[in-house]
């Protein structure tokens, strides 16, 4: 396991993959952002930045936290403060350069990630829905060391299972746990929020991985 140092992550760039799960854009109400993008079948629509250190606009605000999701202050965002919790897997990669051109990405770690979005109808780009300031995304405090992401590689038996945990400790399944095989390793990810399923102004959103054999 690798301990995640948020201070170090301030120097990393953050990118997301749009449509990395078939049907997700439609479920999240973001399909309209990509109506002009032509892809084959259910292939992803592209990538987008959610953090770029050194920028002087919203993308330069460090959004990651391992223990909270903070809503924008009233008036900072037009419309209701509706968040979409998105349990996903974050992959950390080293960039290999060939001169001033990126030659390849080499993955070295992965872990639970809350790619949280805020509903912003009419936003010019998906990035505007992904970073609204400090603690607008959740990241696990520890990642798994990996180097192989091939379908049959060492990550093939991992699973991400997410639950919404109310303040009284009651948990509710959130998302779909797709079966792989009769014997598998499960990675459990728990987000803690308010009783109505949405995070409170400073809700605990700790992605906790627990490995277990089924």
Protein backbone atom coordinates (compact mmCIF):
# COMPACT_ATOMS: atom_id res chain seq x y z
CA UNK A 1 0.00 0.00 0.00
CA UNK A 2 1.06 3.59 -0.67
CA UNK A 3 0.18 6.40 1.72
CA UNK A 4 -1.30 9.34 -0.17
CA UNK A 5 0.32 12.66 0.75
CA UNK A 6 -2.11 15.44 -0.14
CA UNK A 7 0.71 17.99 0.00
CA UNK A 8 2.54 16.06 -2.72
CA UNK A 9 -0.64 15.72 -4.77
CA UNK A 10 -0.79 19.50 -5.02
CA UNK A 11 1.99 19.16 -7.61
CA UNK A 12 0.15 16.53 -9.67
CA UNK A 13 -2.21 17.21 -12.55
CA UNK A 14 -5.70 15.70 -12.41
CA UNK A 15 -7.63 14.45 -15.45
CA UNK A 16 -10.91 12.61 -15.80
CA UNK A 17 -12.23 10.33 -18.52
CA UNK A 18 -15.64 11.31 -19.84
CA UNK A 19 -17.89 8.31 -20.37
CA UNK A 20 -15.46 5.78 -18.90
CA UNK A 21 -18.45 3.62 -17.88
CA UNK A 22 -21.16 2.82 -20.42
CA UNK A 23 -24.31 4.82 -19.72
CA UNK A 24 -22.76 6.99 -17.01
CA UNK A 25 -23.01 10.27 -18.93
CA UNK A 26 -26.72 9.72 -19.43
CA UNK A 27 -27.24 8.83 -15.76
CA UNK A 28 -25.31 11.91 -14.63
CA UNK A 29 -27.12 14.23 -17.03
CA UNK A 30 -23.90 15.05 -18.89
CA UNK A 31 -24.54 13.38 -22.24
CA UNK A 32 -25.54 16.72 -23.75
CA UNK A 33 -21.98 17.99 -23.26
CA UNK A 34 -20.74 15.47 -25.82
CA UNK A 35 -23.46 15.31 -28.48
CA UNK A 36 -20.96 16.43 -31.14
CA UNK A 37 -18.32 13.88 -30.16
CA UNK A 38 -18.41 10.78 -32.35
CA UNK A 39 -17.05 7.57 -30.82
CA UNK A 40 -17.27 3.89 -31.61
CA UNK A 41 -19.88 2.05 -29.58
CA UNK A 42 -19.65 2.88 -25.88
CA UNK A 43 -16.09 4.20 -26.06
CA UNK A 44 -15.19 7.15 -23.78
CA UNK A 45 -15.87 10.60 -25.18
CA UNK A 46 -12.55 12.14 -24.18
CA UNK A 47 -10.58 13.49 -21.23
CA UNK A 48 -10.94 16.68 -19.23
CA UNK A 49 -8.85 18.45 -16.57
CA UNK A 50 -10.13 18.91 -13.03
CA UNK A 51 -6.91 20.22 -11.49
CA UNK A 52 -3.92 22.02 -13.00
CA UNK A 53 -1.38 23.36 -10.49
CA UNK A 54 -0.26 26.89 -11.23
CA UNK A 55 -3.41 27.98 -13.03
CA UNK A 56 -4.97 31.24 -11.87
CA UNK A 57 -8.56 30.15 -12.52
CA UNK A 58 -10.80 27.55 -10.86
CA UNK A 59 -8.65 24.67 -12.17
CA UNK A 60 -5.79 25.93 -10.00
CA UNK A 61 -7.76 25.30 -6.80
CA UNK A 62 -6.65 22.07 -5.10
CA UNK A 63 -9.87 20.01 -4.75
CA UNK A 64 -8.80 16.76 -3.04
CA UNK A 65 -9.64 15.66 0.50
CA UNK A 66 -9.62 12.33 2.32
CA UNK A 67 -12.18 13.24 4.98
CA UNK A 68 -14.67 15.81 3.65
CA UNK A 69 -16.70 17.17 0.77
CA UNK A 70 -17.47 20.87 1.18
CA UNK A 71 -20.39 22.51 -0.58
CA UNK A 72 -19.90 25.92 -2.20
CA UNK A 73 -21.00 28.88 -0.16
CA UNK A 74 -24.48 30.18 -1.03
CA UNK A 75 -24.26 32.51 -4.01
CA UNK A 76 -21.05 31.04 -5.41
CA UNK A 77 -22.98 28.74 -7.76
CA UNK A 78 -26.15 29.51 -9.68
CA UNK A 79 -29.08 27.27 -8.76
CA UNK A 80 -29.42 24.60 -6.06
CA UNK A 81 -26.34 23.01 -4.49
CA UNK A 82 -26.95 19.49 -5.78
CA UNK A 83 -23.97 17.14 -5.73
CA UNK A 84 -23.57 13.86 -7.61
CA UNK A 85 -21.41 11.38 -5.70
CA UNK A 86 -19.39 9.31 -8.19
CA UNK A 87 -17.47 6.36 -6.69
CA UNK A 88 -14.65 5.54 -9.06
CA UNK A 89 -11.06 4.31 -9.14
CA UNK A 90 -8.25 6.83 -9.39
CA UNK A 91 -5.03 5.81 -11.16
CA UNK A 92 -1.70 7.51 -10.46
CA UNK A 93 0.68 7.57 -13.44
CA UNK A 94 4.20 8.74 -14.16
CA UNK A 95 4.59 10.73 -17.36
CA UNK A 96 7.37 9.59 -19.69
CA UNK A 97 8.52 12.33 -22.04
CA UNK A 98 10.18 12.23 -25.45
CA UNK A 99 11.55 15.73 -25.66
CA UNK A 100 8.55 18.00 -25.14
CA UNK A 101 6.04 15.31 -26.16
CA UNK A 102 4.36 12.83 -23.84
CA UNK A 103 5.50 9.36 -24.91
CA UNK A 104 3.42 7.28 -22.51
CA UNK A 105 1.88 7.04 -19.06
CA UNK A 106 3.14 4.44 -16.59
CA UNK A 107 0.59 3.55 -13.86
CA UNK A 108 2.05 2.89 -10.43
CA UNK A 109 -0.89 3.06 -7.99
CA UNK A 110 -4.68 3.02 -7.81
CA UNK A 111 -7.30 3.59 -5.15
CA UNK A 112 -10.83 4.67 -4.32
CA UNK A 113 -11.83 8.08 -5.65
CA UNK A 114 -14.96 10.20 -5.34
CA UNK A 115 -15.23 12.02 -8.69
CA UNK A 116 -17.90 14.24 -7.19
CA UNK A 117 -19.78 16.61 -9.52
CA UNK A 118 -22.03 19.57 -8.91
CA UNK A 119 -25.09 19.98 -11.12
CA UNK A 120 -24.55 23.09 -13.24
CA UNK A 121 -27.03 23.21 -16.12
CA UNK A 122 -25.57 25.22 -18.96
CA UNK A 123 -21.96 24.96 -17.79
CA UNK A 124 -19.66 25.60 -20.80
CA UNK A 125 -17.42 22.61 -20.01
CA UNK A 126 -17.61 19.52 -17.83
CA UNK A 127 -14.59 20.80 -15.86
CA UNK A 128 -16.81 23.49 -14.33
CA UNK A 129 -18.83 20.73 -12.67
CA UNK A 130 -15.79 18.95 -11.25
CA UNK A 131 -13.89 21.57 -9.24
CA UNK A 132 -15.58 24.24 -7.15
CA UNK A 133 -12.79 24.71 -4.64
CA UNK A 134 -11.13 22.91 -1.70
CA UNK A 135 -12.56 19.51 -0.70
CA UNK A 136 -14.72 19.08 -3.79
CA UNK A 137 -13.32 15.60 -4.50
CA UNK A 138 -12.59 12.59 -2.31
CA UNK A 139 -9.49 10.42 -2.46
CA UNK A 140 -8.53 7.38 -0.38
CA UNK A 141 -5.70 7.92 2.13
CA UNK A 142 -3.98 4.81 0.74
CA UNK A 143 -3.56 3.40 -2.78
CA UNK A 144 -2.58 -0.06 -4.00
CA UNK A 145 0.77 -0.41 -5.76
CA UNK A 146 0.22 -1.58 -9.34
CA UNK A 147 2.06 -1.60 -12.66
CA UNK A 148 -0.22 -3.71 -14.86
CA UNK A 149 -3.74 -2.65 -15.87
CA UNK A 150 -4.34 -5.36 -18.46
CA UNK A 151 -7.76 -7.10 -18.21
CA UNK A 152 -6.21 -10.34 -16.93
CA UNK A 153 -3.56 -8.67 -14.77
CA UNK A 154 -3.30 -8.40 -10.98
CA UNK A 155 -6.17 -5.90 -10.74
CA UNK A 156 -8.64 -8.22 -12.50
CA UNK A 157 -10.10 -9.55 -9.23
CA UNK A 158 -10.58 -6.17 -7.57
CA UNK A 159 -14.02 -4.68 -7.10
CA UNK A 160 -15.28 -1.29 -6.01
CA UNK A 161 -18.38 -1.47 -3.81
CA UNK A 162 -19.86 1.76 -2.50
CA UNK A 163 -22.26 2.46 0.37
CA UNK A 164 -23.82 5.65 1.63
CA UNK A 165 -23.48 5.72 5.41
CA UNK A 166 -25.92 7.88 7.35
CA UNK A 167 -24.95 9.78 10.48
CA UNK A 168 -26.50 7.03 12.62
CA UNK A 169 -24.30 4.40 10.96
CA UNK A 170 -26.95 2.85 8.72
CA UNK A 171 -25.54 1.99 5.28
CA UNK A 172 -27.22 1.90 1.89
CA UNK A 173 -25.77 0.35 -1.26
CA UNK A 174 -24.88 3.03 -3.81
CA UNK A 175 -24.12 2.04 -7.38
CA UNK A 176 -23.90 -1.40 -8.96
CA UNK A 177 -21.62 -4.21 -7.82
CA UNK A 178 -21.06 -6.13 -11.07
CA UNK A 179 -20.07 -9.79 -10.53
CA UNK A 180 -16.78 -11.08 -11.89
CA UNK A 181 -16.48 -14.65 -10.62
CA UNK A 182 -17.47 -16.91 -7.75
CA UNK A 183 -14.16 -16.21 -6.01
CA UNK A 184 -13.06 -12.59 -6.08
CA UNK A 185 -11.46 -9.82 -4.07
CA UNK A 186 -13.73 -6.94 -3.16
CA UNK A 187 -12.63 -3.37 -2.53
CA UNK A 188 -15.26 -1.66 -0.42
CA UNK A 189 -15.63 2.07 -0.64
CA UNK A 190 -17.82 3.94 1.84
CA UNK A 191 -18.93 7.56 1.53
CA UNK A 192 -20.56 9.09 4.59
CA UNK A 193 -23.27 11.68 3.98
CA UNK A 194 -26.51 13.09 5.29
CA UNK A 195 -29.67 11.06 5.72
CA UNK A 196 -31.13 12.22 2.40
CA UNK A 197 -28.24 10.75 0.45
CA UNK A 198 -26.52 14.04 -0.35
CA UNK A 199 -23.45 15.30 1.51
CA UNK A 200 -23.92 17.89 4.24
CA UNK A 201 -22.02 21.18 4.02
CA UNK A 202 -19.01 19.41 5.44
CA UNK A 203 -19.83 15.75 5.13
CA UNK A 204 -17.33 13.00 5.75
CA UNK A 205 -16.56 11.29 2.45
CA UNK A 206 -13.90 8.78 3.30
CA UNK A 207 -13.28 6.14 0.62
CA UNK A 208 -12.30 3.16 2.76
CA UNK A 209 -10.95 0.11 0.95
CA UNK A 210 -11.30 -3.27 2.65
CA UNK A 211 -9.93 -6.29 0.83
CA UNK A 212 -11.84 -9.52 1.36
CA UNK A 213 -12.18 -12.85 -0.39
CA UNK A 214 -15.66 -13.94 -1.53
